[in-house]
Amino acid sequence: MALIAYLTMKDKVHLWQSIAGQLIVLPAPLLQLMRLVDRHFFDLTYTNYLYYGLLPLINMATVVLCFFPLIVIFVKYLKSKALNEEVEA
């Protein structure tokens, strides 16, 4: 998270990517801390379901966020290619 913030300050990463990355990644350590506190103090049964359900979703969202700029570039390329073919026809 610190690296993303640093790269944003140096204008290497877009601001929207930094904000989205921080919001997506932040729940993962909070979930880990909640699980640690639960295991040592409370031993509740439903927190395992939260942990096993939410952590994979957070990881998938992180991967999608990493590849999102490439997806945007690819979609723009396909749109410009379609427009060029339309003009030529």
PDB file of N, CA and C in Angstrom:
ATOM      1  N   MET A   1       0.828  -1.179   0.000  1.00  0.00           N
ATOM      2  CA  MET A   1       0.000   0.000   0.000  1.00  0.00           C
ATOM      3  C   MET A   1       0.876   1.246   0.000  1.00  0.00           C
ATOM      4  N   ALA A   2       1.986   1.183   0.700  1.00  0.00           N
ATOM      5  CA  ALA A   2       2.898   2.331   0.729  1.00  0.00           C
ATOM      6  C   ALA A   2       3.539   2.538  -0.641  1.00  0.00           C
ATOM      7  N   LEU A   3       3.857   1.463  -1.325  1.00  0.00           N
ATOM      8  CA  LEU A   3       4.445   1.577  -2.656  1.00  0.00           C
ATOM      9  C   LEU A   3       3.464   2.205  -3.641  1.00  0.00           C
ATOM     10  N   ILE A   4       2.203   1.820  -3.563  1.00  0.00           N
ATOM     11  CA  ILE A   4       1.194   2.411  -4.441  1.00  0.00           C
ATOM     12  C   ILE A   4       1.075   3.914  -4.163  1.00  0.00           C
ATOM     13  N   ALA A   5       1.061   4.298  -2.895  1.00  0.00           N
ATOM     14  CA  ALA A   5       0.973   5.714  -2.540  1.00  0.00           C
ATOM     15  C   ALA A   5       2.210   6.474  -3.014  1.00  0.00           C
ATOM     16  N   TYR A   6       3.375   5.875  -2.872  1.00  0.00           N
ATOM     17  CA  TYR A   6       4.614   6.516  -3.326  1.00  0.00           C
ATOM     18  C   TYR A   6       4.608   6.711  -4.841  1.00  0.00           C
ATOM     19  N   LEU A   7       4.227   5.671  -5.578  1.00  0.00           N
ATOM     20  CA  LEU A   7       4.180   5.783  -7.032  1.00  0.00           C
ATOM     21  C   LEU A   7       3.139   6.792  -7.499  1.00  0.00           C
ATOM     22  N   THR A   8       2.075   6.958  -6.751  1.00  0.00           N
ATOM     23  CA  THR A   8       1.074   7.966  -7.088  1.00  0.00           C
ATOM     24  C   THR A   8       1.639   9.367  -6.889  1.00  0.00           C
ATOM     25  N   MET A   9       2.378   9.563  -5.810  1.00  0.00           N
ATOM     26  CA  MET A   9       2.985  10.873  -5.572  1.00  0.00           C
ATOM     27  C   MET A   9       4.011  11.218  -6.645  1.00  0.00           C
ATOM     28  N   LYS A  10       4.677  10.215  -7.202  1.00  0.00           N
ATOM     29  CA  LYS A  10       5.668  10.434  -8.260  1.00  0.00           C
ATOM     30  C   LYS A  10       5.028  10.436  -9.653  1.00  0.00           C
ATOM     31  N   ASP A  11       3.709  10.406  -9.727  1.00  0.00           N
ATOM     32  CA  ASP A  11       2.936  10.409 -10.979  1.00  0.00           C
ATOM     33  C   ASP A  11       3.253   9.215 -11.880  1.00  0.00           C
ATOM     34  N   LYS A  12       3.520   8.081 -11.286  1.00  0.00           N
ATOM     35  CA  LYS A  12       3.728   6.843 -12.042  1.00  0.00           C
ATOM     36  C   LYS A  12       2.444   6.018 -12.124  1.00  0.00           C
ATOM     37  N   VAL A  13       1.523   6.261 -11.199  1.00  0.00           N
ATOM     38  CA  VAL A  13       0.247   5.540 -11.133  1.00  0.00           C
ATOM     39  C   VAL A  13      -0.853   6.590 -11.063  1.00  0.00           C
ATOM     40  N   HIS A  14      -1.956   6.322 -11.768  1.00  0.00           N
ATOM     41  CA  HIS A  14      -3.082   7.247 -11.742  1.00  0.00           C
ATOM     42  C   HIS A  14      -3.680   7.305 -10.337  1.00  0.00           C
ATOM     43  N   LEU A  15      -4.271   8.445 -10.026  1.00  0.00           N
ATOM     44  CA  LEU A  15      -4.863   8.641  -8.710  1.00  0.00           C
ATOM     45  C   LEU A  15      -6.022   7.685  -8.473  1.00  0.00           C
ATOM     46  N   TRP A  16      -6.838   7.437  -9.509  1.00  0.00           N
ATOM     47  CA  TRP A  16      -7.978   6.535  -9.333  1.00  0.00           C
ATOM     48  C   TRP A  16      -7.509   5.121  -9.056  1.00  0.00           C
ATOM     49  N   GLN A  17      -6.393   4.717  -9.658  1.00  0.00           N
ATOM     50  CA  GLN A  17      -5.847   3.384  -9.388  1.00  0.00           C
ATOM     51  C   GLN A  17      -5.353   3.283  -7.951  1.00  0.00           C
ATOM     52  N   SER A  18      -4.720   4.341  -7.476  1.00  0.00           N
ATOM     53  CA  SER A  18      -4.218   4.331  -6.112  1.00  0.00           C
ATOM     54  C   SER A  18      -5.362   4.244  -5.105  1.00  0.00           C
ATOM     55  N   ILE A  19      -6.391   5.045  -5.317  1.00  0.00           N
ATOM     56  CA  ILE A  19      -7.531   5.032  -4.392  1.00  0.00           C
ATOM     57  C   ILE A  19      -8.227   3.683  -4.425  1.00  0.00           C
ATOM     58  N   ALA A  20      -8.461   3.154  -5.624  1.00  0.00           N
ATOM     59  CA  ALA A  20      -9.120   1.851  -5.741  1.00  0.00           C
ATOM     60  C   ALA A  20      -8.259   0.754  -5.125  1.00  0.00           C
ATOM     61  N   GLY A  21      -6.963   0.813  -5.356  1.00  0.00           N
ATOM     62  CA  GLY A  21      -6.059  -0.182  -4.771  1.00  0.00           C
ATOM     63  C   GLY A  21      -6.051  -0.149  -3.261  1.00  0.00           C
ATOM     64  N   GLN A  22      -6.016   1.043  -2.706  1.00  0.00           N
ATOM     65  CA  GLN A  22      -6.035   1.166  -1.252  1.00  0.00           C
ATOM     66  C   GLN A  22      -7.342   0.632  -0.675  1.00  0.00           C
ATOM     67  N   LEU A  23      -8.460   0.957  -1.336  1.00  0.00           N
ATOM     68  CA  LEU A  23      -9.757   0.501  -0.830  1.00  0.00           C
ATOM     69  C   LEU A  23      -9.940  -1.008  -0.963  1.00  0.00           C
ATOM     70  N   ILE A  24      -9.347  -1.591  -1.998  1.00  0.00           N
ATOM     71  CA  ILE A  24      -9.484  -3.035  -2.191  1.00  0.00           C
ATOM     72  C   ILE A  24      -8.549  -3.803  -1.263  1.00  0.00           C
ATOM     73  N   VAL A  25      -7.330  -3.321  -1.095  1.00  0.00           N
ATOM     74  CA  VAL A  25      -6.322  -4.051  -0.325  1.00  0.00           C
ATOM     75  C   VAL A  25      -6.514  -3.875   1.179  1.00  0.00           C
ATOM     76  N   LEU A  26      -7.047  -2.753   1.621  1.00  0.00           N
ATOM     77  CA  LEU A  26      -7.188  -2.483   3.045  1.00  0.00           C
ATOM     78  C   LEU A  26      -8.010  -3.528   3.809  1.00  0.00           C
ATOM     79  N   PRO A  27      -9.097  -4.070   3.268  1.00  0.00           N
ATOM     80  CA  PRO A  27      -9.847  -5.070   4.050  1.00  0.00           C
ATOM     81  C   PRO A  27      -9.081  -6.372   4.324  1.00  0.00           C
ATOM     82  N   ALA A  28      -8.100  -6.713   3.512  1.00  0.00           N
ATOM     83  CA  ALA A  28      -7.371  -7.970   3.726  1.00  0.00           C
ATOM     84  C   ALA A  28      -6.631  -7.993   5.066  1.00  0.00           C
ATOM     85  N   PRO A  29      -5.790  -6.990   5.393  1.00  0.00           N
ATOM     86  CA  PRO A  29      -5.148  -7.043   6.715  1.00  0.00           C
ATOM     87  C   PRO A  29      -6.138  -6.881   7.860  1.00  0.00           C
ATOM     88  N   LEU A  30      -7.188  -6.111   7.642  1.00  0.00           N
ATOM     89  CA  LEU A  30      -8.202  -5.985   8.689  1.00  0.00           C
ATOM     90  C   LEU A  30      -8.892  -7.320   8.948  1.00  0.00           C
ATOM     91  N   LEU A  31      -9.132  -8.071   7.893  1.00  0.00           N
ATOM     92  CA  LEU A  31      -9.742  -9.393   8.030  1.00  0.00           C
ATOM     93  C   LEU A  31      -8.797 -10.348   8.761  1.00  0.00           C
ATOM     94  N   GLN A  32      -7.512 -10.256   8.450  1.00  0.00           N
ATOM     95  CA  GLN A  32      -6.523 -11.091   9.142  1.00  0.00           C
ATOM     96  C   GLN A  32      -6.470 -10.752  10.636  1.00  0.00           C
ATOM     97  N   LEU A  33      -6.493  -9.451  10.959  1.00  0.00           N
ATOM     98  CA  LEU A  33      -6.480  -9.046  12.365  1.00  0.00           C
ATOM     99  C   LEU A  33      -7.741  -9.507  13.089  1.00  0.00           C
ATOM    100  N   MET A  34      -8.882  -9.407  12.410  1.00  0.00           N
ATOM    101  CA  MET A  34     -10.128  -9.858  13.021  1.00  0.00           C
ATOM    102  C   MET A  34     -10.067 -11.356  13.314  1.00  0.00           C
ATOM    103  N   ARG A  35      -9.500 -12.111  12.384  1.00  0.00           N
ATOM    104  CA  ARG A  35      -9.389 -13.556  12.593  1.00  0.00           C
ATOM    105  C   ARG A  35      -8.439 -13.879  13.747  1.00  0.00           C
ATOM    106  N   LEU A  36      -7.336 -13.140  13.837  1.00  0.00           N
ATOM    107  CA  LEU A  36      -6.375 -13.363  14.911  1.00  0.00           C
ATOM    108  C   LEU A  36      -7.002 -13.072  16.275  1.00  0.00           C
ATOM    109  N   VAL A  37      -7.688 -11.955  16.390  1.00  0.00           N
ATOM    110  CA  VAL A  37      -8.337 -11.597  17.655  1.00  0.00           C
ATOM    111  C   VAL A  37      -9.430 -12.606  17.990  1.00  0.00           C
ATOM    112  N   ASP A  38     -10.166 -13.015  16.990  1.00  0.00           N
ATOM    113  CA  ASP A  38     -11.241 -13.986  17.222  1.00  0.00           C
ATOM    114  C   ASP A  38     -10.694 -15.318  17.716  1.00  0.00           C
ATOM    115  N   ARG A  39      -9.623 -15.781  17.101  1.00  0.00           N
ATOM    116  CA  ARG A  39      -9.057 -17.074  17.497  1.00  0.00           C
ATOM    117  C   ARG A  39      -8.540 -17.056  18.925  1.00  0.00           C
ATOM    118  N   HIS A  40      -7.954 -15.935  19.355  1.00  0.00           N
ATOM    119  CA  HIS A  40      -7.338 -15.889  20.669  1.00  0.00           C
ATOM    120  C   HIS A  40      -8.290 -15.494  21.789  1.00  0.00           C
ATOM    121  N   PHE A  41      -9.306 -14.719  21.461  1.00  0.00           N
ATOM    122  CA  PHE A  41     -10.163 -14.206  22.532  1.00  0.00           C
ATOM    123  C   PHE A  41     -11.600 -14.713  22.486  1.00  0.00           C
ATOM    124  N   PHE A  42     -12.208 -14.725  21.323  1.00  0.00           N
ATOM    125  CA  PHE A  42     -13.642 -14.983  21.262  1.00  0.00           C
ATOM    126  C   PHE A  42     -14.009 -16.378  20.784  1.00  0.00           C
ATOM    127  N   ASP A  43     -13.298 -16.903  19.799  1.00  0.00           N
ATOM    128  CA  ASP A  43     -13.549 -18.215  19.199  1.00  0.00           C
ATOM    129  C   ASP A  43     -14.991 -18.332  18.684  1.00  0.00           C
ATOM    130  N   LEU A  44     -15.386 -17.360  17.866  1.00  0.00           N
ATOM    131  CA  LEU A  44     -16.707 -17.384  17.252  1.00  0.00           C
ATOM    132  C   LEU A  44     -16.693 -18.315  16.048  1.00  0.00           C
ATOM    133  N   THR A  45     -17.813 -18.901  15.732  1.00  0.00           N
ATOM    134  CA  THR A  45     -17.855 -19.877  14.640  1.00  0.00           C
ATOM    135  C   THR A  45     -18.050 -19.242  13.279  1.00  0.00           C
ATOM    136  N   TYR A  46     -18.722 -18.107  13.207  1.00  0.00           N
ATOM    137  CA  TYR A  46     -19.046 -17.534  11.902  1.00  0.00           C
ATOM    138  C   TYR A  46     -17.895 -16.760  11.265  1.00  0.00           C
ATOM    139  N   THR A  47     -16.851 -16.436  11.998  1.00  0.00           N
ATOM    140  CA  THR A  47     -15.763 -15.656  11.402  1.00  0.00           C
ATOM    141  C   THR A  47     -14.973 -16.463  10.381  1.00  0.00           C
ATOM    142  N   ASN A  48     -14.929 -17.778  10.536  1.00  0.00           N
ATOM    143  CA  ASN A  48     -14.263 -18.585   9.513  1.00  0.00           C
ATOM    144  C   ASN A  48     -14.968 -18.468   8.172  1.00  0.00           C
ATOM    145  N   TYR A  49     -16.286 -18.405   8.202  1.00  0.00           N
ATOM    146  CA  TYR A  49     -17.039 -18.252   6.951  1.00  0.00           C
ATOM    147  C   TYR A  49     -16.760 -16.899   6.307  1.00  0.00           C
ATOM    148  N   LEU A  50     -16.658 -15.856   7.137  1.00  0.00           N
ATOM    149  CA  LEU A  50     -16.304 -14.539   6.600  1.00  0.00           C
ATOM    150  C   LEU A  50     -14.908 -14.560   5.995  1.00  0.00           C
ATOM    151  N   TYR A  51     -13.981 -15.178   6.706  1.00  0.00           N
ATOM    152  CA  TYR A  51     -12.596 -15.219   6.246  1.00  0.00           C
ATOM    153  C   TYR A  51     -12.470 -15.997   4.938  1.00  0.00           C
ATOM    154  N   TYR A  52     -13.047 -17.180   4.887  1.00  0.00           N
ATOM    155  CA  TYR A  52     -12.930 -18.005   3.689  1.00  0.00           C
ATOM    156  C   TYR A  52     -13.776 -17.490   2.535  1.00  0.00           C
ATOM    157  N   GLY A  53     -14.758 -16.655   2.819  1.00  0.00           N
ATOM    158  CA  GLY A  53     -15.581 -16.102   1.757  1.00  0.00           C
ATOM    159  C   GLY A  53     -15.062 -14.784   1.216  1.00  0.00           C
ATOM    160  N   LEU A  54     -14.582 -13.931   2.102  1.00  0.00           N
ATOM    161  CA  LEU A  54     -14.173 -12.589   1.671  1.00  0.00           C
ATOM    162  C   LEU A  54     -12.745 -12.511   1.161  1.00  0.00           C
ATOM    163  N   LEU A  55     -11.832 -13.268   1.729  1.00  0.00           N
ATOM    164  CA  LEU A  55     -10.433 -13.163   1.323  1.00  0.00           C
ATOM    165  C   LEU A  55     -10.215 -13.535  -0.146  1.00  0.00           C
ATOM    166  N   PRO A  56     -10.819 -14.602  -0.667  1.00  0.00           N
ATOM    167  CA  PRO A  56     -10.657 -14.856  -2.105  1.00  0.00           C
ATOM    168  C   PRO A  56     -11.248 -13.749  -2.978  1.00  0.00           C
ATOM    169  N   LEU A  57     -12.345 -13.148  -2.546  1.00  0.00           N
ATOM    170  CA  LEU A  57     -12.926 -12.045  -3.310  1.00  0.00           C
ATOM    171  C   LEU A  57     -11.997 -10.829  -3.327  1.00  0.00           C
ATOM    172  N   ILE A  58     -11.373 -10.551  -2.203  1.00  0.00           N
ATOM    173  CA  ILE A  58     -10.424  -9.444  -2.128  1.00  0.00           C
ATOM    174  C   ILE A  58      -9.223  -9.722  -3.034  1.00  0.00           C
ATOM    175  N   ASN A  59      -8.731 -10.950  -3.021  1.00  0.00           N
ATOM    176  CA  ASN A  59      -7.596 -11.303  -3.874  1.00  0.00           C
ATOM    177  C   ASN A  59      -7.952 -11.199  -5.353  1.00  0.00           C
ATOM    178  N   MET A  60      -9.139 -11.664  -5.732  1.00  0.00           N
ATOM    179  CA  MET A  60      -9.556 -11.556  -7.137  1.00  0.00           C
ATOM    180  C   MET A  60      -9.725 -10.099  -7.549  1.00  0.00           C
ATOM    181  N   ALA A  61     -10.276  -9.282  -6.677  1.00  0.00           N
ATOM    182  CA  ALA A  61     -10.438  -7.861  -6.994  1.00  0.00           C
ATOM    183  C   ALA A  61      -9.082  -7.180  -7.155  1.00  0.00           C
ATOM    184  N   THR A  62      -8.096  -7.589  -6.378  1.00  0.00           N
ATOM    185  CA  THR A  62      -6.754  -7.034  -6.501  1.00  0.00           C
ATOM    186  C   THR A  62      -6.140  -7.389  -7.846  1.00  0.00           C
ATOM    187  N   VAL A  63      -6.297  -8.626  -8.266  1.00  0.00           N
ATOM    188  CA  VAL A  63      -5.758  -9.059  -9.559  1.00  0.00           C
ATOM    189  C   VAL A  63      -6.459  -8.323 -10.701  1.00  0.00           C
ATOM    190  N   VAL A  64      -7.773  -8.180 -10.620  1.00  0.00           N
ATOM    191  CA  VAL A  64      -8.516  -7.454 -11.661  1.00  0.00           C
ATOM    192  C   VAL A  64      -8.051  -6.002 -11.715  1.00  0.00           C
ATOM    193  N   LEU A  65      -7.839  -5.394 -10.563  1.00  0.00           N
ATOM    194  CA  LEU A  65      -7.367  -4.016 -10.529  1.00  0.00           C
ATOM    195  C   LEU A  65      -5.985  -3.885 -11.165  1.00  0.00           C
ATOM    196  N   CYS A  66      -5.127  -4.869 -10.965  1.00  0.00           N
ATOM    197  CA  CYS A  66      -3.790  -4.834 -11.564  1.00  0.00           C
ATOM    198  C   CYS A  66      -3.859  -4.898 -13.087  1.00  0.00           C
ATOM    199  N   PHE A  67      -4.778  -5.698 -13.622  1.00  0.00           N
ATOM    200  CA  PHE A  67      -4.881  -5.851 -15.065  1.00  0.00           C
ATOM    201  C   PHE A  67      -5.857  -4.874 -15.710  1.00  0.00           C
ATOM    202  N   PHE A  68      -6.550  -4.064 -14.935  1.00  0.00           N
ATOM    203  CA  PHE A  68      -7.554  -3.156 -15.478  1.00  0.00           C
ATOM    204  C   PHE A  68      -6.979  -2.153 -16.484  1.00  0.00           C
ATOM    205  N   PRO A  69      -5.807  -1.544 -16.243  1.00  0.00           N
ATOM    206  CA  PRO A  69      -5.271  -0.632 -17.266  1.00  0.00           C
ATOM    207  C   PRO A  69      -5.007  -1.326 -18.597  1.00  0.00           C
ATOM    208  N   LEU A  70      -4.554  -2.575 -18.567  1.00  0.00           N
ATOM    209  CA  LEU A  70      -4.346  -3.304 -19.818  1.00  0.00           C
ATOM    210  C   LEU A  70      -5.665  -3.588 -20.524  1.00  0.00           C
ATOM    211  N   ILE A  71      -6.699  -3.880 -19.750  1.00  0.00           N
ATOM    212  CA  ILE A  71      -8.018  -4.125 -20.329  1.00  0.00           C
ATOM    213  C   ILE A  71      -8.542  -2.862 -20.987  1.00  0.00           C
ATOM    214  N   VAL A  72      -8.358  -1.717 -20.346  1.00  0.00           N
ATOM    215  CA  VAL A  72      -8.804  -0.437 -20.916  1.00  0.00           C
ATOM    216  C   VAL A  72      -8.060  -0.145 -22.211  1.00  0.00           C
ATOM    217  N   ILE A  73      -6.762  -0.346 -22.235  1.00  0.00           N
ATOM    218  CA  ILE A  73      -5.973  -0.121 -23.451  1.00  0.00           C
ATOM    219  C   ILE A  73      -6.429  -1.052 -24.561  1.00  0.00           C
ATOM    220  N   PHE A  74      -6.681  -2.311 -24.237  1.00  0.00           N
ATOM    221  CA  PHE A  74      -7.115  -3.279 -25.235  1.00  0.00           C
ATOM    222  C   PHE A  74      -8.482  -2.907 -25.808  1.00  0.00           C
ATOM    223  N   VAL A  75      -9.401  -2.467 -24.962  1.00  0.00           N
ATOM    224  CA  VAL A  75     -10.740  -2.072 -25.434  1.00  0.00           C
ATOM    225  C   VAL A  75     -10.639  -0.838 -26.320  1.00  0.00           C
ATOM    226  N   LYS A  76      -9.804   0.133 -25.957  1.00  0.00           N
ATOM    227  CA  LYS A  76      -9.615   1.319 -26.799  1.00  0.00           C
ATOM    228  C   LYS A  76      -9.031   0.939 -28.146  1.00  0.00           C
ATOM    229  N   TYR A  77      -8.097   0.006 -28.147  1.00  0.00           N
ATOM    230  CA  TYR A  77      -7.505  -0.468 -29.396  1.00  0.00           C
ATOM    231  C   TYR A  77      -8.552  -1.128 -30.279  1.00  0.00           C
ATOM    232  N   LEU A  78      -9.389  -1.972 -29.686  1.00  0.00           N
ATOM    233  CA  LEU A  78     -10.423  -2.634 -30.476  1.00  0.00           C
ATOM    234  C   LEU A  78     -11.432  -1.640 -31.028  1.00  0.00           C
ATOM    235  N   LYS A  79     -11.790  -0.620 -30.242  1.00  0.00           N
ATOM    236  CA  LYS A  79     -12.727   0.395 -30.721  1.00  0.00           C
ATOM    237  C   LYS A  79     -12.132   1.200 -31.864  1.00  0.00           C
ATOM    238  N   SER A  80     -10.862   1.589 -31.747  1.00  0.00           N
ATOM    239  CA  SER A  80     -10.232   2.360 -32.821  1.00  0.00           C
ATOM    240  C   SER A  80     -10.070   1.509 -34.074  1.00  0.00           C
ATOM    241  N   LYS A  81      -9.800   0.236 -33.899  1.00  0.00           N
ATOM    242  CA  LYS A  81      -9.679  -0.665 -35.043  1.00  0.00           C
ATOM    243  C   LYS A  81     -11.021  -0.825 -35.742  1.00  0.00           C
ATOM    244  N   ALA A  82     -12.096  -0.932 -34.968  1.00  0.00           N
ATOM    245  CA  ALA A  82     -13.432  -1.052 -35.545  1.00  0.00           C
ATOM    246  C   ALA A  82     -13.812   0.228 -36.283  1.00  0.00           C
ATOM    247  N   LEU A  83     -13.457   1.379 -35.742  1.00  0.00           N
ATOM    248  CA  LEU A  83     -13.743   2.649 -36.414  1.00  0.00           C
ATOM    249  C   LEU A  83     -12.954   2.772 -37.713  1.00  0.00           C
ATOM    250  N   ASN A  84     -11.699   2.347 -37.712  1.00  0.00           N
ATOM    251  CA  ASN A  84     -10.890   2.390 -38.936  1.00  0.00           C
ATOM    252  C   ASN A  84     -11.458   1.470 -40.007  1.00  0.00           C
ATOM    253  N   GLU A  85     -11.916   0.304 -39.638  1.00  0.00           N
ATOM    254  CA  GLU A  85     -12.526  -0.618 -40.600  1.00  0.00           C
ATOM    255  C   GLU A  85     -13.827  -0.058 -41.141  1.00  0.00           C
ATOM    256  N   GLU A  86     -14.582   0.646 -40.296  1.00  0.00           N
ATOM    257  CA  GLU A  86     -15.849   1.224 -40.692  1.00  0.00           C
ATOM    258  C   GLU A  86     -15.628   2.354 -41.696  1.00  0.00           C
ATOM    259  N   VAL A  87     -14.572   3.139 -41.488  1.00  0.00           N
ATOM    260  CA  VAL A  87     -14.267   4.245 -42.391  1.00  0.00           C
ATOM    261  C   VAL A  87     -13.790   3.728 -43.741  1.00  0.00           C
ATOM    262  N   GLU A  88     -13.001   2.673 -43.738  1.00  0.00           N
ATOM    263  CA  GLU A  88     -12.487   2.103 -44.969  1.00  0.00           C
ATOM    264  C   GLU A  88     -13.563   1.429 -45.801  1.00  0.00           C
ATOM    265  N   ALA A  89     -14.592   0.908 -45.178  1.00  0.00           N
ATOM    266  CA  ALA A  89     -15.633   0.181 -45.906  1.00  0.00           C
ATOM    267  C   ALA A  89     -16.618   1.092 -46.570  1.00  0.00           C
TER     268      ALA A  89
END
